[in-house]
Full PDB file with SEQRES, HELIX, SHEET, SSBOND, CRYST1, ORIGX, SCALE, CONECT and MASTER records, all heavy atoms in Angstrom:
SEQRES   1 A   33  SER LEU LYS GLU HIS LEU ILE ASP GLU LEU ASP TYR ILE          
SEQRES   2 A   33  LEU LEU PRO THR GLU GLY TRP ASN ARG LEU VAL SER TRP          
SEQRES   3 A   33  TYR THR LEU MET ASP GLY GLN                                  
HELIX    1 AA1 THR A   17  TYR A   27  1                                  11    
CRYST1    1.000    1.000    1.000  90.00  90.00  90.00 P 1           1          
ORIGX1      1.000000  0.000000  0.000000        0.00000                         
ORIGX2      0.000000  1.000000  0.000000        0.00000                         
ORIGX3      0.000000  0.000000  1.000000        0.00000                         
SCALE1      1.000000  0.000000  0.000000        0.00000                         
SCALE2      0.000000  1.000000  0.000000        0.00000                         
SCALE3      0.000000  0.000000  1.000000        0.00000                         
ATOM      1  N   SER A   1      32.118  20.837  -9.159  1.00  0.00           N  
ATOM      2  CA  SER A   1      33.307  20.075  -8.818  1.00  0.00           C  
ATOM      3  C   SER A   1      33.108  18.570  -9.157  1.00  0.00           C  
ATOM      4  O   SER A   1      32.259  17.911  -8.509  1.00  0.00           O  
ATOM      5  CB  SER A   1      33.705  20.205  -7.329  1.00  0.00           C  
ATOM      6  OG  SER A   1      34.863  19.566  -7.056  1.00  0.00           O  
ATOM      7  N   LEU A   2      33.887  18.062 -10.128  1.00  0.00           N  
ATOM      8  CA  LEU A   2      33.775  16.665 -10.552  1.00  0.00           C  
ATOM      9  C   LEU A   2      34.303  15.750  -9.575  1.00  0.00           C  
ATOM     10  O   LEU A   2      35.381  16.018  -8.891  1.00  0.00           O  
ATOM     11  CB  LEU A   2      34.456  16.527 -11.897  1.00  0.00           C  
ATOM     12  CG  LEU A   2      33.909  17.227 -13.069  1.00  0.00           C  
ATOM     13  CD1 LEU A   2      34.783  16.983 -14.330  1.00  0.00           C  
ATOM     14  CD2 LEU A   2      32.553  16.799 -13.376  1.00  0.00           C  
ATOM     15  N   LYS A   3      33.747  14.562  -9.487  1.00  0.00           N  
ATOM     16  CA  LYS A   3      34.326  13.511  -8.685  1.00  0.00           C  
ATOM     17  C   LYS A   3      35.745  13.107  -9.397  1.00  0.00           C  
ATOM     18  O   LYS A   3      35.921  13.268 -10.523  1.00  0.00           O  
ATOM     19  CB  LYS A   3      33.464  12.205  -8.753  1.00  0.00           C  
ATOM     20  CG  LYS A   3      32.164  12.427  -7.985  1.00  0.00           C  
ATOM     21  CD  LYS A   3      31.278  11.143  -8.079  1.00  0.00           C  
ATOM     22  CE  LYS A   3      29.960  11.294  -7.324  1.00  0.00           C  
ATOM     23  NZ  LYS A   3      29.171  10.075  -7.518  1.00  0.00           N  
ATOM     24  N   GLU A   4      36.577  12.560  -8.562  1.00  0.00           N  
ATOM     25  CA  GLU A   4      37.891  12.239  -9.064  1.00  0.00           C  
ATOM     26  C   GLU A   4      37.839  10.934  -9.876  1.00  0.00           C  
ATOM     27  O   GLU A   4      36.982  10.057  -9.679  1.00  0.00           O  
ATOM     28  CB  GLU A   4      38.849  12.034  -7.898  1.00  0.00           C  
ATOM     29  CG  GLU A   4      39.067  13.364  -7.102  1.00  0.00           C  
ATOM     30  CD  GLU A   4      40.113  13.185  -5.987  1.00  0.00           C  
ATOM     31  OE1 GLU A   4      40.638  12.072  -5.846  1.00  0.00           O  
ATOM     32  OE2 GLU A   4      40.362  14.191  -5.230  1.00  0.00           O  
ATOM     33  N   HIS A   5      38.819  10.809 -10.797  1.00  0.00           N  
ATOM     34  CA  HIS A   5      39.017   9.651 -11.536  1.00  0.00           C  
ATOM     35  C   HIS A   5      37.907   9.217 -12.433  1.00  0.00           C  
ATOM     36  O   HIS A   5      37.654   7.998 -12.619  1.00  0.00           O  
ATOM     37  CB  HIS A   5      39.439   8.444 -10.635  1.00  0.00           C  
ATOM     38  CG  HIS A   5      40.581   8.824  -9.717  1.00  0.00           C  
ATOM     39  ND1 HIS A   5      41.694   9.437 -10.069  1.00  0.00           N  
ATOM     40  CD2 HIS A   5      40.667   8.632  -8.365  1.00  0.00           C  
ATOM     41  CE1 HIS A   5      42.499   9.583  -9.060  1.00  0.00           C  
ATOM     42  NE2 HIS A   5      41.846   9.149  -7.958  1.00  0.00           N  
ATOM     43  N   LEU A   6      37.111  10.112 -12.975  1.00  0.00           N  
ATOM     44  CA  LEU A   6      36.013   9.790 -13.913  1.00  0.00           C  
ATOM     45  C   LEU A   6      36.644   9.423 -15.205  1.00  0.00           C  
ATOM     46  O   LEU A   6      37.684  10.014 -15.604  1.00  0.00           O  
ATOM     47  CB  LEU A   6      35.101  10.977 -14.068  1.00  0.00           C  
ATOM     48  CG  LEU A   6      34.259  11.442 -12.887  1.00  0.00           C  
ATOM     49  CD1 LEU A   6      33.475  12.732 -13.218  1.00  0.00           C  
ATOM     50  CD2 LEU A   6      33.380  10.324 -12.414  1.00  0.00           C  
ATOM     51  N   ILE A   7      36.038   8.500 -15.881  1.00  0.00           N  
ATOM     52  CA  ILE A   7      36.671   7.915 -17.182  1.00  0.00           C  
ATOM     53  C   ILE A   7      35.689   8.197 -18.304  1.00  0.00           C  
ATOM     54  O   ILE A   7      34.515   8.023 -18.218  1.00  0.00           O  
ATOM     55  CB  ILE A   7      36.884   6.412 -16.987  1.00  0.00           C  
ATOM     56  CG1 ILE A   7      37.829   6.083 -15.838  1.00  0.00           C  
ATOM     57  CG2 ILE A   7      37.366   5.826 -18.249  1.00  0.00           C  
ATOM     58  CD1 ILE A   7      38.006   4.613 -15.538  1.00  0.00           C  
ATOM     59  N   ASP A   8      36.267   8.705 -19.382  1.00  0.00           N  
ATOM     60  CA  ASP A   8      35.551   9.029 -20.622  1.00  0.00           C  
ATOM     61  C   ASP A   8      34.848   7.808 -21.128  1.00  0.00           C  
ATOM     62  O   ASP A   8      35.384   6.708 -21.173  1.00  0.00           O  
ATOM     63  CB  ASP A   8      36.487   9.537 -21.661  1.00  0.00           C  
ATOM     64  CG  ASP A   8      35.804  10.084 -22.884  1.00  0.00           C  
ATOM     65  OD1 ASP A   8      34.541  10.210 -22.873  1.00  0.00           O  
ATOM     66  OD2 ASP A   8      36.544  10.338 -23.914  1.00  0.00           O  
ATOM     67  N   GLU A   9      33.514   7.923 -21.485  1.00  0.00           N  
ATOM     68  CA  GLU A   9      32.671   6.885 -22.010  1.00  0.00           C  
ATOM     69  C   GLU A   9      32.118   5.957 -20.943  1.00  0.00           C  
ATOM     70  O   GLU A   9      31.019   5.426 -21.060  1.00  0.00           O  
ATOM     71  CB  GLU A   9      33.328   6.118 -23.167  1.00  0.00           C  
ATOM     72  CG  GLU A   9      33.644   7.021 -24.416  1.00  0.00           C  
ATOM     73  CD  GLU A   9      34.047   6.204 -25.607  1.00  0.00           C  
ATOM     74  OE1 GLU A   9      34.142   4.959 -25.515  1.00  0.00           O  
ATOM     75  OE2 GLU A   9      34.335   6.816 -26.615  1.00  0.00           O  
ATOM     76  N   LEU A  10      32.916   5.662 -19.927  1.00  0.00           N  
ATOM     77  CA  LEU A  10      32.423   4.807 -18.857  1.00  0.00           C  
ATOM     78  C   LEU A  10      31.573   5.649 -17.916  1.00  0.00           C  
ATOM     79  O   LEU A  10      30.371   5.173 -17.573  1.00  0.00           O  
ATOM     80  CB  LEU A  10      33.615   4.200 -18.077  1.00  0.00           C  
ATOM     81  CG  LEU A  10      33.175   3.320 -16.869  1.00  0.00           C  
ATOM     82  CD1 LEU A  10      32.345   2.145 -17.387  1.00  0.00           C  
ATOM     83  CD2 LEU A  10      34.445   2.836 -16.113  1.00  0.00           C  
ATOM     84  N   ASP A  11      32.034   6.800 -17.486  1.00  0.00           N  
ATOM     85  CA  ASP A  11      31.266   7.649 -16.579  1.00  0.00           C  
ATOM     86  C   ASP A  11      30.540   8.798 -17.260  1.00  0.00           C  
ATOM     87  O   ASP A  11      29.502   9.277 -16.753  1.00  0.00           O  
ATOM     88  CB  ASP A  11      32.220   8.182 -15.461  1.00  0.00           C  
ATOM     89  CG  ASP A  11      32.900   7.215 -14.672  1.00  0.00           C  
ATOM     90  OD1 ASP A  11      32.152   6.354 -14.056  1.00  0.00           O  
ATOM     91  OD2 ASP A  11      34.127   7.073 -14.663  1.00  0.00           O  
ATOM     92  N   TYR A  12      31.144   9.270 -18.343  1.00  0.00           N  
ATOM     93  CA  TYR A  12      30.551  10.451 -19.034  1.00  0.00           C  
ATOM     94  C   TYR A  12      30.809  10.294 -20.503  1.00  0.00           C  
ATOM     95  O   TYR A  12      31.719   9.589 -20.960  1.00  0.00           O  
ATOM     96  CB  TYR A  12      31.118  11.771 -18.491  1.00  0.00           C  
ATOM     97  CG  TYR A  12      32.584  11.850 -18.745  1.00  0.00           C  
ATOM     98  CD1 TYR A  12      33.129  12.376 -19.891  1.00  0.00           C  
ATOM     99  CD2 TYR A  12      33.498  11.521 -17.751  1.00  0.00           C  
ATOM    100  CE1 TYR A  12      34.466  12.492 -20.107  1.00  0.00           C  
ATOM    101  CE2 TYR A  12      34.833  11.587 -17.873  1.00  0.00           C  
ATOM    102  CZ  TYR A  12      35.297  12.131 -19.162  1.00  0.00           C  
ATOM    103  OH  TYR A  12      36.649  12.213 -19.284  1.00  0.00           O  
ATOM    104  N   ILE A  13      29.997  11.008 -21.336  1.00  0.00           N  
ATOM    105  CA  ILE A  13      30.340  11.195 -22.731  1.00  0.00           C  
ATOM    106  C   ILE A  13      30.481  12.706 -22.992  1.00  0.00           C  
ATOM    107  O   ILE A  13      30.029  13.560 -22.192  1.00  0.00           O  
ATOM    108  CB  ILE A  13      29.274  10.584 -23.631  1.00  0.00           C  
ATOM    109  CG1 ILE A  13      27.962  11.260 -23.499  1.00  0.00           C  
ATOM    110  CG2 ILE A  13      29.178   9.155 -23.370  1.00  0.00           C  
ATOM    111  CD1 ILE A  13      27.698  12.356 -24.507  1.00  0.00           C  
ATOM    112  N   LEU A  14      31.213  12.989 -24.021  1.00  0.00           N  
ATOM    113  CA  LEU A  14      31.492  14.404 -24.370  1.00  0.00           C  
ATOM    114  C   LEU A  14      30.745  14.845 -25.629  1.00  0.00           C  
ATOM    115  O   LEU A  14      30.740  14.057 -26.616  1.00  0.00           O  
ATOM    116  CB  LEU A  14      32.983  14.631 -24.607  1.00  0.00           C  
ATOM    117  CG  LEU A  14      33.813  14.487 -23.316  1.00  0.00           C  
ATOM    118  CD1 LEU A  14      35.311  14.267 -23.649  1.00  0.00           C  
ATOM    119  CD2 LEU A  14      33.691  15.742 -22.470  1.00  0.00           C  
ATOM    120  N   LEU A  15      30.075  15.975 -25.602  1.00  0.00           N  
ATOM    121  CA  LEU A  15      29.304  16.466 -26.732  1.00  0.00           C  
ATOM    122  C   LEU A  15      29.794  17.908 -27.075  1.00  0.00           C  
ATOM    123  O   LEU A  15      29.999  18.747 -26.206  1.00  0.00           O  
ATOM    124  CB  LEU A  15      27.815  16.542 -26.387  1.00  0.00           C  
ATOM    125  CG  LEU A  15      26.990  15.269 -26.587  1.00  0.00           C  
ATOM    126  CD1 LEU A  15      25.521  15.576 -26.120  1.00  0.00           C  
ATOM    127  CD2 LEU A  15      26.925  14.841 -28.011  1.00  0.00           C  
ATOM    128  N   PRO A  16      29.919  18.141 -28.347  1.00  0.00           N  
ATOM    129  CA  PRO A  16      30.276  19.593 -28.764  1.00  0.00           C  
ATOM    130  C   PRO A  16      29.092  20.453 -28.464  1.00  0.00           C  
ATOM    131  O   PRO A  16      27.943  20.010 -28.108  1.00  0.00           O  
ATOM    132  CB  PRO A  16      30.485  19.467 -30.252  1.00  0.00           C  
ATOM    133  CG  PRO A  16      29.666  18.279 -30.741  1.00  0.00           C  
ATOM    134  CD  PRO A  16      29.730  17.313 -29.564  1.00  0.00           C  
ATOM    135  N   THR A  17      29.347  21.756 -28.467  1.00  0.00           N  
ATOM    136  CA  THR A  17      28.301  22.747 -28.093  1.00  0.00           C  
ATOM    137  C   THR A  17      26.932  22.547 -28.782  1.00  0.00           C  
ATOM    138  O   THR A  17      25.924  22.539 -28.124  1.00  0.00           O  
ATOM    139  CB  THR A  17      28.827  24.149 -28.344  1.00  0.00           C  
ATOM    140  OG1 THR A  17      30.042  24.349 -27.570  1.00  0.00           O  
ATOM    141  CG2 THR A  17      27.767  25.190 -27.994  1.00  0.00           C  
ATOM    142  N   GLU A  18      26.999  22.282 -30.070  1.00  0.00           N  
ATOM    143  CA  GLU A  18      25.693  22.101 -30.828  1.00  0.00           C  
ATOM    144  C   GLU A  18      24.941  20.917 -30.293  1.00  0.00           C  
ATOM    145  O   GLU A  18      23.731  20.969 -30.201  1.00  0.00           O  
ATOM    146  CB  GLU A  18      26.044  22.056 -32.309  1.00  0.00           C  
ATOM    147  CG  GLU A  18      24.772  22.058 -33.172  1.00  0.00           C  
ATOM    148  CD  GLU A  18      25.049  22.027 -34.665  1.00  0.00           C  
ATOM    149  OE1 GLU A  18      26.193  22.129 -35.093  1.00  0.00           O  
ATOM    150  OE2 GLU A  18      24.088  21.888 -35.422  1.00  0.00           O  
ATOM    151  N   GLY A  19      25.652  19.858 -30.047  1.00  0.00           N  
ATOM    152  CA  GLY A  19      24.963  18.629 -29.599  1.00  0.00           C  
ATOM    153  C   GLY A  19      24.372  18.803 -28.259  1.00  0.00           C  
ATOM    154  O   GLY A  19      23.273  18.414 -27.922  1.00  0.00           O  
ATOM    155  N   TRP A  20      25.144  19.444 -27.342  1.00  0.00           N  
ATOM    156  CA  TRP A  20      24.664  19.808 -26.001  1.00  0.00           C  
ATOM    157  C   TRP A  20      23.355  20.705 -26.063  1.00  0.00           C  
ATOM    158  O   TRP A  20      22.392  20.357 -25.424  1.00  0.00           O  
ATOM    159  CB  TRP A  20      25.676  20.405 -25.162  1.00  0.00           C  
ATOM    160  CG  TRP A  20      25.173  20.998 -23.857  1.00  0.00           C  
ATOM    161  CD1 TRP A  20      24.862  22.324 -23.604  1.00  0.00           C  
ATOM    162  CD2 TRP A  20      24.896  20.323 -22.669  1.00  0.00           C  
ATOM    163  NE1 TRP A  20      24.417  22.481 -22.301  1.00  0.00           N  
ATOM    164  CE2 TRP A  20      24.376  21.266 -21.772  1.00  0.00           C  
ATOM    165  CE3 TRP A  20      24.897  18.949 -22.254  1.00  0.00           C  
ATOM    166  CZ2 TRP A  20      24.010  20.893 -20.442  1.00  0.00           C  
ATOM    167  CZ3 TRP A  20      24.548  18.611 -21.036  1.00  0.00           C  
ATOM    168  CH2 TRP A  20      24.094  19.592 -20.153  1.00  0.00           C  
ATOM    169  N   ASN A  21      23.428  21.698 -26.880  1.00  0.00           N  
ATOM    170  CA  ASN A  21      22.317  22.624 -27.004  1.00  0.00           C  
ATOM    171  C   ASN A  21      21.064  21.916 -27.496  1.00  0.00           C  
ATOM    172  O   ASN A  21      19.965  22.240 -27.087  1.00  0.00           O  
ATOM    173  CB  ASN A  21      22.672  23.794 -27.928  1.00  0.00           C  
ATOM    174  CG  ASN A  21      23.655  24.807 -27.321  1.00  0.00           C  
ATOM    175  OD1 ASN A  21      23.781  24.797 -26.091  1.00  0.00           O  
ATOM    176  ND2 ASN A  21      24.325  25.544 -28.123  1.00  0.00           N  
ATOM    177  N   ARG A  22      21.284  21.029 -28.360  1.00  0.00           N  
ATOM    178  CA  ARG A  22      20.078  20.206 -28.930  1.00  0.00           C  
ATOM    179  C   ARG A  22      19.502  19.345 -27.835  1.00  0.00           C  
ATOM    180  O   ARG A  22      18.244  19.294 -27.654  1.00  0.00           O  
ATOM    181  CB  ARG A  22      20.464  19.448 -30.143  1.00  0.00           C  
ATOM    182  CG  ARG A  22      20.823  20.299 -31.331  1.00  0.00           C  
ATOM    183  CD  ARG A  22      20.959  19.500 -32.639  1.00  0.00           C  
ATOM    184  NE  ARG A  22      21.451  20.385 -33.697  1.00  0.00           N  
ATOM    185  CZ  ARG A  22      21.504  20.034 -34.977  1.00  0.00           C  
ATOM    186  NH1 ARG A  22      20.996  18.906 -35.361  1.00  0.00           N  
ATOM    187  NH2 ARG A  22      21.942  20.894 -35.874  1.00  0.00           N  
ATOM    188  N   LEU A  23      20.290  18.687 -27.113  1.00  0.00           N  
ATOM    189  CA  LEU A  23      19.814  17.825 -26.075  1.00  0.00           C  
ATOM    190  C   LEU A  23      19.036  18.598 -25.033  1.00  0.00           C  
ATOM    191  O   LEU A  23      17.974  18.239 -24.533  1.00  0.00           O  
ATOM    192  CB  LEU A  23      20.908  16.998 -25.372  1.00  0.00           C  
ATOM    193  CG  LEU A  23      21.422  15.732 -26.109  1.00  0.00           C  
ATOM    194  CD1 LEU A  23      22.520  15.089 -25.217  1.00  0.00           C  
ATOM    195  CD2 LEU A  23      20.323  14.757 -26.404  1.00  0.00           C  
ATOM    196  N   VAL A  24      19.557  19.797 -24.688  1.00  0.00           N  
ATOM    197  CA  VAL A  24      18.983  20.617 -23.681  1.00  0.00           C  
ATOM    198  C   VAL A  24      17.660  21.179 -24.144  1.00  0.00           C  
ATOM    199  O   VAL A  24      16.635  21.232 -23.462  1.00  0.00           O  
ATOM    200  CB  VAL A  24      19.864  21.767 -23.191  1.00  0.00           C  
ATOM    201  CG1 VAL A  24      19.084  22.741 -22.341  1.00  0.00           C  
ATOM    202  CG2 VAL A  24      21.109  21.244 -22.452  1.00  0.00           C  
ATOM    203  N   SER A  25      17.550  21.466 -25.450  1.00  0.00           N  
ATOM    204  CA  SER A  25      16.294  21.977 -26.027  1.00  0.00           C  
ATOM    205  C   SER A  25      15.255  20.919 -26.105  1.00  0.00           C  
ATOM    206  O   SER A  25      14.083  21.194 -26.019  1.00  0.00           O  
ATOM    207  CB  SER A  25      16.608  22.543 -27.423  1.00  0.00           C  
ATOM    208  OG  SER A  25      16.866  21.504 -28.381  1.00  0.00           O  
ATOM    209  N   TRP A  26      15.665  19.654 -26.202  1.00  0.00           N  
ATOM    210  CA  TRP A  26      14.700  18.532 -26.266  1.00  0.00           C  
ATOM    211  C   TRP A  26      14.322  18.037 -24.864  1.00  0.00           C  
ATOM    212  O   TRP A  26      13.154  17.655 -24.661  1.00  0.00           O  
ATOM    213  CB  TRP A  26      15.361  17.340 -27.030  1.00  0.00           C  
ATOM    214  CG  TRP A  26      15.730  17.647 -28.501  1.00  0.00           C  
ATOM    215  CD1 TRP A  26      15.043  18.567 -29.244  1.00  0.00           C  
ATOM    216  CD2 TRP A  26      16.692  16.999 -29.247  1.00  0.00           C  
ATOM    217  NE1 TRP A  26      15.686  18.544 -30.537  1.00  0.00           N  
ATOM    218  CE2 TRP A  26      16.681  17.641 -30.530  1.00  0.00           C  
ATOM    219  CE3 TRP A  26      17.670  16.067 -28.963  1.00  0.00           C  
ATOM    220  CZ2 TRP A  26      17.529  17.250 -31.595  1.00  0.00           C  
ATOM    221  CZ3 TRP A  26      18.514  15.697 -30.000  1.00  0.00           C  
ATOM    222  CH2 TRP A  26      18.464  16.283 -31.239  1.00  0.00           C  
ATOM    223  N   TYR A  27      15.225  18.050 -23.920  1.00  0.00           N  
ATOM    224  CA  TYR A  27      14.951  17.389 -22.627  1.00  0.00           C  
ATOM    225  C   TYR A  27      15.158  18.343 -21.442  1.00  0.00           C  
ATOM    226  O   TYR A  27      14.775  17.920 -20.270  1.00  0.00           O  
ATOM    227  CB  TYR A  27      15.918  16.192 -22.450  1.00  0.00           C  
ATOM    228  CG  TYR A  27      15.612  15.089 -23.489  1.00  0.00           C  
ATOM    229  CD1 TYR A  27      16.376  15.057 -24.684  1.00  0.00           C  
ATOM    230  CD2 TYR A  27      14.615  14.177 -23.286  1.00  0.00           C  
ATOM    231  CE1 TYR A  27      16.014  14.096 -25.619  1.00  0.00           C  
ATOM    232  CE2 TYR A  27      14.294  13.232 -24.234  1.00  0.00           C  
ATOM    233  CZ  TYR A  27      15.072  13.171 -25.410  1.00  0.00           C  
ATOM    234  OH  TYR A  27      14.743  12.214 -26.373  1.00  0.00           O  
ATOM    235  N   THR A  28      15.720  19.513 -21.593  1.00  0.00           N  
ATOM    236  CA  THR A  28      16.071  20.402 -20.533  1.00  0.00           C  
ATOM    237  C   THR A  28      17.162  19.850 -19.611  1.00  0.00           C  
ATOM    238  O   THR A  28      17.544  18.749 -19.754  1.00  0.00           O  
ATOM    239  CB  THR A  28      14.891  20.875 -19.665  1.00  0.00           C  
ATOM    240  OG1 THR A  28      14.473  19.738 -18.789  1.00  0.00           O  
ATOM    241  CG2 THR A  28      13.714  21.281 -20.518  1.00  0.00           C  
ATOM    242  N   LEU A  29      17.634  20.664 -18.670  1.00  0.00           N  
ATOM    243  CA  LEU A  29      18.635  20.182 -17.668  1.00  0.00           C  
ATOM    244  C   LEU A  29      17.985  20.188 -16.289  1.00  0.00           C  
ATOM    245  O   LEU A  29      17.146  21.059 -16.003  1.00  0.00           O  
ATOM    246  CB  LEU A  29      19.809  21.254 -17.697  1.00  0.00           C  
ATOM    247  CG  LEU A  29      20.963  20.961 -16.730  1.00  0.00           C  
ATOM    248  CD1 LEU A  29      21.636  19.610 -17.026  1.00  0.00           C  
ATOM    249  CD2 LEU A  29      21.957  22.138 -16.858  1.00  0.00           C  
ATOM    250  N   MET A  30      18.355  19.251 -15.484  1.00  0.00           N  
ATOM    251  CA  MET A  30      17.781  19.043 -14.163  1.00  0.00           C  
ATOM    252  C   MET A  30      17.869  20.409 -13.355  1.00  0.00           C  
ATOM    253  O   MET A  30      18.911  21.134 -13.454  1.00  0.00           O  
ATOM    254  CB  MET A  30      18.509  17.988 -13.393  1.00  0.00           C  
ATOM    255  CG  MET A  30      17.970  17.613 -12.081  1.00  0.00           C  
ATOM    256  SD  MET A  30      16.349  16.678 -12.223  1.00  0.00           S  
ATOM    257  CE  MET A  30      17.009  15.082 -12.752  1.00  0.00           C  
ATOM    258  N   ASP A  31      16.825  20.743 -12.682  1.00  0.00           N  
ATOM    259  CA  ASP A  31      16.775  21.955 -11.867  1.00  0.00           C  
ATOM    260  C   ASP A  31      17.993  22.038 -10.898  1.00  0.00           C  
ATOM    261  O   ASP A  31      18.278  21.038 -10.217  1.00  0.00           O  
ATOM    262  CB  ASP A  31      15.428  22.049 -11.099  1.00  0.00           C  
ATOM    263  CG  ASP A  31      14.297  22.430 -11.985  1.00  0.00           C  
ATOM    264  OD1 ASP A  31      14.509  22.857 -13.148  1.00  0.00           O  
ATOM    265  OD2 ASP A  31      13.155  22.226 -11.533  1.00  0.00           O  
ATOM    266  N   GLY A  32      18.582  23.142 -10.805  1.00  0.00           N  
ATOM    267  CA  GLY A  32      19.661  23.364  -9.858  1.00  0.00           C  
ATOM    268  C   GLY A  32      20.969  22.979 -10.383  1.00  0.00           C  
ATOM    269  O   GLY A  32      22.034  23.188  -9.696  1.00  0.00           O  
ATOM    270  N   GLN A  33      21.102  22.381 -11.588  1.00  0.00           N  
ATOM    271  CA  GLN A  33      22.362  21.999 -12.189  1.00  0.00           C  
ATOM    272  C   GLN A  33      22.806  22.999 -13.183  1.00  0.00           C  
ATOM    273  O   GLN A  33      21.983  23.700 -13.830  1.00  0.00           O  
ATOM    274  CB  GLN A  33      22.274  20.637 -12.832  1.00  0.00           C  
ATOM    275  CG  GLN A  33      22.067  19.476 -11.752  1.00  0.00           C  
ATOM    276  CD  GLN A  33      22.176  18.101 -12.434  1.00  0.00           C  
ATOM    277  OE1 GLN A  33      22.752  17.979 -13.477  1.00  0.00           O  
ATOM    278  NE2 GLN A  33      21.603  17.134 -11.743  1.00  0.00           N  
TER     279      GLN A  33                                                      
MASTER        0    0    0    1    0    0    0    6  278    1    0    3          
END                                                                             
């Protein structure tokens, strides 16, 4: 559940599937998330 009123680029950035998969393969995702 996201916090309300998050703003693109200020609070988060958006990555296409391939970009996300690469970042996860390089750095992994925090445990429990």
